[in-house]
Amino acid sequence: MDDRFAQIVELFPYIALIVAVSVGGWVFTTWLRVRHGYPLETSWGVPLHPQKDREQAERIKLLTSENAQLRAELGSVKDRLENIERIVTDQPSRLAKEIDALAIDKGGRA
């Protein structure tokens, strides 16, 4: 019995150190989350105090509309790039014929 108690007493500083480091790490990560504006969460990932204010909702609306505009612009850029790729990879004689056909249609019949 005394032998087991002596072993436990020998291990106690290591156990205390592991517990202290674990708690310290938890406190540090919580402090970082608060400092950088992340909401605090339970162990299940549910926010403790969900923040829903007007400023945040307005910011989400603005970001959503900006996202839609950027997606539309990206779509038009992709279309233009496809046309440029087609022009670059087409045969030169075919391109010349298409340009001549456009010039004839635009300027009237020659």
N, C-alpha and C. Protein backbone atom coordinates (compact mmCIF):
# COMPACT_ATOMS: atom_id res chain seq x y z
N MET A 1 0.82 -1.19 0.00
CA MET A 1 0.00 0.00 0.00
C MET A 1 0.86 1.25 0.00
N ASP A 2 1.88 1.27 0.81
CA ASP A 2 2.77 2.43 0.87
C ASP A 2 3.53 2.62 -0.44
N ASP A 3 3.80 1.49 -1.12
CA ASP A 3 4.53 1.54 -2.39
C ASP A 3 3.69 2.24 -3.46
N ARG A 4 2.40 1.91 -3.53
CA ARG A 4 1.50 2.56 -4.50
C ARG A 4 1.33 4.05 -4.18
N PHE A 5 1.20 4.37 -2.93
CA PHE A 5 1.06 5.77 -2.53
C PHE A 5 2.31 6.56 -2.90
N ALA A 6 3.47 5.96 -2.73
CA ALA A 6 4.73 6.62 -3.09
C ALA A 6 4.79 6.85 -4.61
N GLN A 7 4.31 5.90 -5.40
CA GLN A 7 4.30 6.07 -6.85
C GLN A 7 3.36 7.21 -7.26
N ILE A 8 2.21 7.28 -6.61
CA ILE A 8 1.25 8.34 -6.92
C ILE A 8 1.85 9.70 -6.56
N VAL A 9 2.50 9.76 -5.42
CA VAL A 9 3.11 11.01 -5.00
C VAL A 9 4.22 11.41 -5.97
N GLU A 10 4.97 10.44 -6.51
CA GLU A 10 6.01 10.74 -7.49
C GLU A 10 5.40 11.27 -8.80
N LEU A 11 4.27 10.73 -9.20
CA LEU A 11 3.63 11.14 -10.46
C LEU A 11 2.84 12.44 -10.33
N PHE A 12 2.50 12.86 -9.15
CA PHE A 12 1.65 14.03 -8.96
C PHE A 12 2.18 15.29 -9.65
N PRO A 13 3.46 15.63 -9.57
CA PRO A 13 3.92 16.84 -10.27
C PRO A 13 3.72 16.77 -11.78
N TYR A 14 3.91 15.59 -12.36
CA TYR A 14 3.71 15.45 -13.80
C TYR A 14 2.23 15.58 -14.18
N ILE A 15 1.38 14.98 -13.37
CA ILE A 15 -0.06 15.09 -13.61
C ILE A 15 -0.50 16.54 -13.47
N ALA A 16 -0.01 17.22 -12.45
CA ALA A 16 -0.35 18.63 -12.24
C ALA A 16 0.15 19.48 -13.40
N LEU A 17 1.34 19.17 -13.91
CA LEU A 17 1.89 19.92 -15.05
C LEU A 17 1.03 19.72 -16.29
N ILE A 18 0.60 18.50 -16.56
CA ILE A 18 -0.25 18.23 -17.72
C ILE A 18 -1.57 18.97 -17.60
N VAL A 19 -2.17 18.95 -16.42
CA VAL A 19 -3.44 19.66 -16.21
C VAL A 19 -3.23 21.16 -16.37
N ALA A 20 -2.15 21.71 -15.83
CA ALA A 20 -1.88 23.14 -15.92
C ALA A 20 -1.66 23.58 -17.37
N VAL A 21 -0.93 22.78 -18.14
CA VAL A 21 -0.69 23.12 -19.55
C VAL A 21 -2.00 23.04 -20.33
N SER A 22 -2.82 22.06 -20.06
CA SER A 22 -4.10 21.93 -20.76
C SER A 22 -5.00 23.12 -20.46
N VAL A 23 -5.14 23.47 -19.20
CA VAL A 23 -5.99 24.61 -18.83
C VAL A 23 -5.41 25.90 -19.39
N GLY A 24 -4.10 26.04 -19.32
CA GLY A 24 -3.46 27.25 -19.87
C GLY A 24 -3.69 27.36 -21.36
N GLY A 25 -3.60 26.26 -22.09
CA GLY A 25 -3.87 26.28 -23.53
C GLY A 25 -5.30 26.66 -23.84
N TRP A 26 -6.22 26.15 -23.05
CA TRP A 26 -7.63 26.49 -23.26
C TRP A 26 -7.87 27.97 -23.01
N VAL A 27 -7.28 28.50 -21.94
CA VAL A 27 -7.42 29.93 -21.63
C VAL A 27 -6.81 30.77 -22.74
N PHE A 28 -5.64 30.36 -23.23
CA PHE A 28 -4.96 31.11 -24.29
C PHE A 28 -5.78 31.13 -25.58
N THR A 29 -6.31 29.98 -26.00
CA THR A 29 -7.11 29.95 -27.23
C THR A 29 -8.40 30.75 -27.08
N THR A 30 -9.00 30.71 -25.90
CA THR A 30 -10.20 31.51 -25.66
C THR A 30 -9.86 32.99 -25.75
N TRP A 31 -8.75 33.38 -25.18
CA TRP A 31 -8.32 34.78 -25.23
C TRP A 31 -8.08 35.22 -26.68
N LEU A 32 -7.44 34.34 -27.48
CA LEU A 32 -7.21 34.68 -28.89
C LEU A 32 -8.52 34.83 -29.64
N ARG A 33 -9.47 33.96 -29.39
CA ARG A 33 -10.77 34.05 -30.07
C ARG A 33 -11.47 35.35 -29.73
N VAL A 34 -11.46 35.73 -28.46
CA VAL A 34 -12.10 36.97 -28.04
C VAL A 34 -11.37 38.17 -28.63
N ARG A 35 -10.06 38.12 -28.63
CA ARG A 35 -9.27 39.24 -29.12
C ARG A 35 -9.52 39.51 -30.60
N HIS A 36 -9.71 38.46 -31.37
CA HIS A 36 -9.89 38.61 -32.81
C HIS A 36 -11.36 38.61 -33.23
N GLY A 37 -12.26 38.67 -32.29
CA GLY A 37 -13.67 38.87 -32.61
C GLY A 37 -14.46 37.63 -32.92
N TYR A 38 -13.94 36.46 -32.68
CA TYR A 38 -14.71 35.24 -32.92
C TYR A 38 -15.67 35.02 -31.75
N PRO A 39 -16.86 34.52 -32.02
CA PRO A 39 -17.79 34.28 -30.91
C PRO A 39 -17.34 33.08 -30.08
N LEU A 40 -17.61 33.15 -28.81
CA LEU A 40 -17.31 32.02 -27.93
C LEU A 40 -18.33 30.92 -28.19
N GLU A 41 -17.87 29.67 -28.11
CA GLU A 41 -18.74 28.54 -28.41
C GLU A 41 -18.70 27.52 -27.29
N THR A 42 -19.75 26.73 -27.24
CA THR A 42 -19.76 25.61 -26.31
C THR A 42 -18.93 24.49 -26.91
N SER A 43 -18.79 23.39 -26.21
CA SER A 43 -18.02 22.28 -26.74
C SER A 43 -18.70 21.65 -27.96
N TRP A 44 -19.98 21.95 -28.17
CA TRP A 44 -20.72 21.43 -29.32
C TRP A 44 -20.71 22.40 -30.50
N GLY A 45 -20.03 23.54 -30.37
CA GLY A 45 -19.93 24.50 -31.45
C GLY A 45 -21.06 25.50 -31.51
N VAL A 46 -21.91 25.55 -30.50
CA VAL A 46 -23.03 26.49 -30.47
C VAL A 46 -22.55 27.80 -29.83
N PRO A 47 -22.75 28.93 -30.49
CA PRO A 47 -22.30 30.20 -29.91
C PRO A 47 -22.98 30.47 -28.57
N LEU A 48 -22.19 30.97 -27.62
CA LEU A 48 -22.74 31.28 -26.30
C LEU A 48 -23.64 32.51 -26.37
N HIS A 49 -23.19 33.52 -27.04
CA HIS A 49 -23.96 34.75 -27.19
C HIS A 49 -23.95 35.13 -28.67
N PRO A 50 -24.86 34.57 -29.45
CA PRO A 50 -24.85 34.90 -30.88
C PRO A 50 -25.09 36.39 -31.09
N GLN A 51 -24.27 36.99 -31.91
CA GLN A 51 -24.38 38.42 -32.16
C GLN A 51 -25.09 38.65 -33.49
N LYS A 52 -26.21 39.28 -33.44
CA LYS A 52 -26.94 39.62 -34.66
C LYS A 52 -27.34 41.08 -34.54
N ASP A 53 -26.50 41.94 -35.01
CA ASP A 53 -26.82 43.35 -34.96
C ASP A 53 -27.02 43.87 -36.39
N ARG A 54 -27.50 45.06 -36.49
CA ARG A 54 -27.81 45.63 -37.80
C ARG A 54 -26.56 45.83 -38.64
N GLU A 55 -25.49 46.25 -37.99
CA GLU A 55 -24.25 46.49 -38.73
C GLU A 55 -23.74 45.21 -39.38
N GLN A 56 -23.80 44.13 -38.65
CA GLN A 56 -23.35 42.85 -39.18
C GLN A 56 -24.26 42.38 -40.32
N ALA A 57 -25.56 42.55 -40.17
CA ALA A 57 -26.49 42.15 -41.23
C ALA A 57 -26.27 43.00 -42.48
N GLU A 58 -26.02 44.28 -42.31
CA GLU A 58 -25.76 45.17 -43.45
C GLU A 58 -24.46 44.77 -44.15
N ARG A 59 -23.45 44.41 -43.37
CA ARG A 59 -22.18 43.99 -43.93
C ARG A 59 -22.36 42.72 -44.75
N ILE A 60 -23.18 41.81 -44.26
CA ILE A 60 -23.45 40.57 -45.00
C ILE A 60 -24.16 40.87 -46.31
N LYS A 61 -25.12 41.79 -46.29
CA LYS A 61 -25.82 42.17 -47.52
C LYS A 61 -24.85 42.76 -48.54
N LEU A 62 -23.97 43.66 -48.08
CA LEU A 62 -23.02 44.29 -48.99
C LEU A 62 -22.06 43.25 -49.58
N LEU A 63 -21.58 42.35 -48.75
CA LEU A 63 -20.67 41.32 -49.24
C LEU A 63 -21.36 40.38 -50.21
N THR A 64 -22.63 40.09 -49.96
CA THR A 64 -23.38 39.21 -50.86
C THR A 64 -23.57 39.87 -52.22
N SER A 65 -23.92 41.15 -52.23
CA SER A 65 -24.11 41.84 -53.51
C SER A 65 -22.77 42.00 -54.24
N GLU A 66 -21.71 42.29 -53.49
CA GLU A 66 -20.39 42.40 -54.12
C GLU A 66 -19.96 41.05 -54.71
N ASN A 67 -20.27 39.99 -54.00
CA ASN A 67 -19.94 38.65 -54.48
C ASN A 67 -20.67 38.37 -55.80
N ALA A 68 -21.95 38.74 -55.87
CA ALA A 68 -22.73 38.52 -57.10
C ALA A 68 -22.15 39.32 -58.25
N GLN A 69 -21.76 40.58 -57.99
CA GLN A 69 -21.17 41.41 -59.04
C GLN A 69 -19.85 40.82 -59.54
N LEU A 70 -19.04 40.36 -58.61
CA LEU A 70 -17.75 39.78 -58.99
C LEU A 70 -17.93 38.49 -59.78
N ARG A 71 -18.93 37.70 -59.41
CA ARG A 71 -19.20 36.48 -60.17
C ARG A 71 -19.64 36.80 -61.60
N ALA A 72 -20.48 37.82 -61.75
CA ALA A 72 -20.92 38.22 -63.09
C ALA A 72 -19.73 38.72 -63.91
N GLU A 73 -18.90 39.52 -63.28
CA GLU A 73 -17.72 40.03 -63.99
C GLU A 73 -16.78 38.90 -64.38
N LEU A 74 -16.62 37.94 -63.49
CA LEU A 74 -15.77 36.79 -63.79
C LEU A 74 -16.34 35.99 -64.96
N GLY A 75 -17.66 35.87 -65.02
CA GLY A 75 -18.28 35.17 -66.14
C GLY A 75 -18.00 35.87 -67.45
N SER A 76 -18.09 37.20 -67.48
CA SER A 76 -17.81 37.93 -68.72
C SER A 76 -16.34 37.83 -69.09
N VAL A 77 -15.46 37.84 -68.10
CA VAL A 77 -14.03 37.70 -68.38
C VAL A 77 -13.75 36.31 -68.96
N LYS A 78 -14.42 35.28 -68.43
CA LYS A 78 -14.24 33.94 -68.97
C LYS A 78 -14.70 33.87 -70.43
N ASP A 79 -15.83 34.52 -70.73
CA ASP A 79 -16.32 34.53 -72.12
C ASP A 79 -15.32 35.21 -73.05
N ARG A 80 -14.79 36.34 -72.61
CA ARG A 80 -13.81 37.06 -73.43
C ARG A 80 -12.56 36.23 -73.63
N LEU A 81 -12.14 35.55 -72.57
CA LEU A 81 -10.94 34.71 -72.68
C LEU A 81 -11.17 33.57 -73.65
N GLU A 82 -12.36 32.98 -73.63
CA GLU A 82 -12.67 31.91 -74.59
C GLU A 82 -12.58 32.43 -76.02
N ASN A 83 -13.10 33.65 -76.26
CA ASN A 83 -13.02 34.22 -77.61
C ASN A 83 -11.58 34.48 -78.01
N ILE A 84 -10.78 34.98 -77.09
CA ILE A 84 -9.37 35.23 -77.40
C ILE A 84 -8.65 33.92 -77.67
N GLU A 85 -8.93 32.89 -76.90
CA GLU A 85 -8.31 31.58 -77.13
C GLU A 85 -8.72 31.04 -78.50
N ARG A 86 -9.98 31.23 -78.85
CA ARG A 86 -10.45 30.75 -80.15
C ARG A 86 -9.74 31.49 -81.28
N ILE A 87 -9.59 32.80 -81.12
CA ILE A 87 -8.92 33.59 -82.16
C ILE A 87 -7.46 33.17 -82.30
N VAL A 88 -6.81 32.95 -81.17
CA VAL A 88 -5.39 32.61 -81.21
C VAL A 88 -5.17 31.22 -81.80
N THR A 89 -6.06 30.30 -81.52
CA THR A 89 -5.86 28.93 -81.98
C THR A 89 -6.44 28.67 -83.36
N ASP A 90 -7.28 29.56 -83.88
CA ASP A 90 -7.84 29.36 -85.23
C ASP A 90 -6.78 29.55 -86.29
N GLN A 91 -7.09 29.06 -87.48
CA GLN A 91 -6.18 29.22 -88.61
C GLN A 91 -6.24 30.68 -89.07
N PRO A 92 -5.11 31.24 -89.46
CA PRO A 92 -5.09 32.65 -89.87
C PRO A 92 -5.99 32.94 -91.06
N SER A 93 -6.10 32.03 -92.00
CA SER A 93 -6.94 32.29 -93.17
C SER A 93 -8.41 32.37 -92.78
N ARG A 94 -8.82 31.54 -91.85
CA ARG A 94 -10.21 31.55 -91.41
C ARG A 94 -10.52 32.87 -90.69
N LEU A 95 -9.58 33.32 -89.87
CA LEU A 95 -9.77 34.58 -89.16
C LEU A 95 -9.88 35.74 -90.13
N ALA A 96 -9.04 35.74 -91.14
CA ALA A 96 -9.08 36.82 -92.14
C ALA A 96 -10.42 36.81 -92.87
N LYS A 97 -10.94 35.63 -93.20
CA LYS A 97 -12.25 35.55 -93.87
C LYS A 97 -13.36 36.10 -92.98
N GLU A 98 -13.32 35.76 -91.67
CA GLU A 98 -14.35 36.26 -90.75
C GLU A 98 -14.29 37.77 -90.61
N ILE A 99 -13.08 38.32 -90.55
CA ILE A 99 -12.93 39.78 -90.44
C ILE A 99 -13.44 40.44 -91.72
N ASP A 100 -13.10 39.90 -92.86
CA ASP A 100 -13.59 40.45 -94.13
C ASP A 100 -15.11 40.38 -94.21
N ALA A 101 -15.67 39.28 -93.73
CA ALA A 101 -17.13 39.14 -93.75
C ALA A 101 -17.78 40.18 -92.85
N LEU A 102 -17.19 40.44 -91.70
CA LEU A 102 -17.73 41.47 -90.81
C LEU A 102 -17.60 42.85 -91.43
N ALA A 103 -16.48 43.12 -92.10
CA ALA A 103 -16.27 44.43 -92.72
C ALA A 103 -17.27 44.64 -93.85
N ILE A 104 -17.56 43.60 -94.60
CA ILE A 104 -18.54 43.71 -95.71
C ILE A 104 -19.93 43.96 -95.15
N ASP A 105 -20.29 43.21 -94.08
CA ASP A 105 -21.63 43.37 -93.50
C ASP A 105 -21.79 44.74 -92.85
N LYS A 106 -20.76 45.23 -92.23
CA LYS A 106 -20.86 46.50 -91.50
C LYS A 106 -20.84 47.69 -92.47
N GLY A 107 -19.97 47.65 -93.43
CA GLY A 107 -19.81 48.78 -94.34
C GLY A 107 -20.67 48.70 -95.57
N GLY A 108 -21.47 47.73 -95.63
CA GLY A 108 -22.26 47.57 -96.84
C GLY A 108 -21.55 46.61 -97.78
N ARG A 109 -22.20 46.28 -98.81
CA ARG A 109 -21.63 45.31 -99.74
C ARG A 109 -20.59 45.99 -100.62
N ALA A 110 -19.48 45.28 -100.75
CA ALA A 110 -18.40 45.86 -101.53
C ALA A 110 -18.35 45.28 -102.92
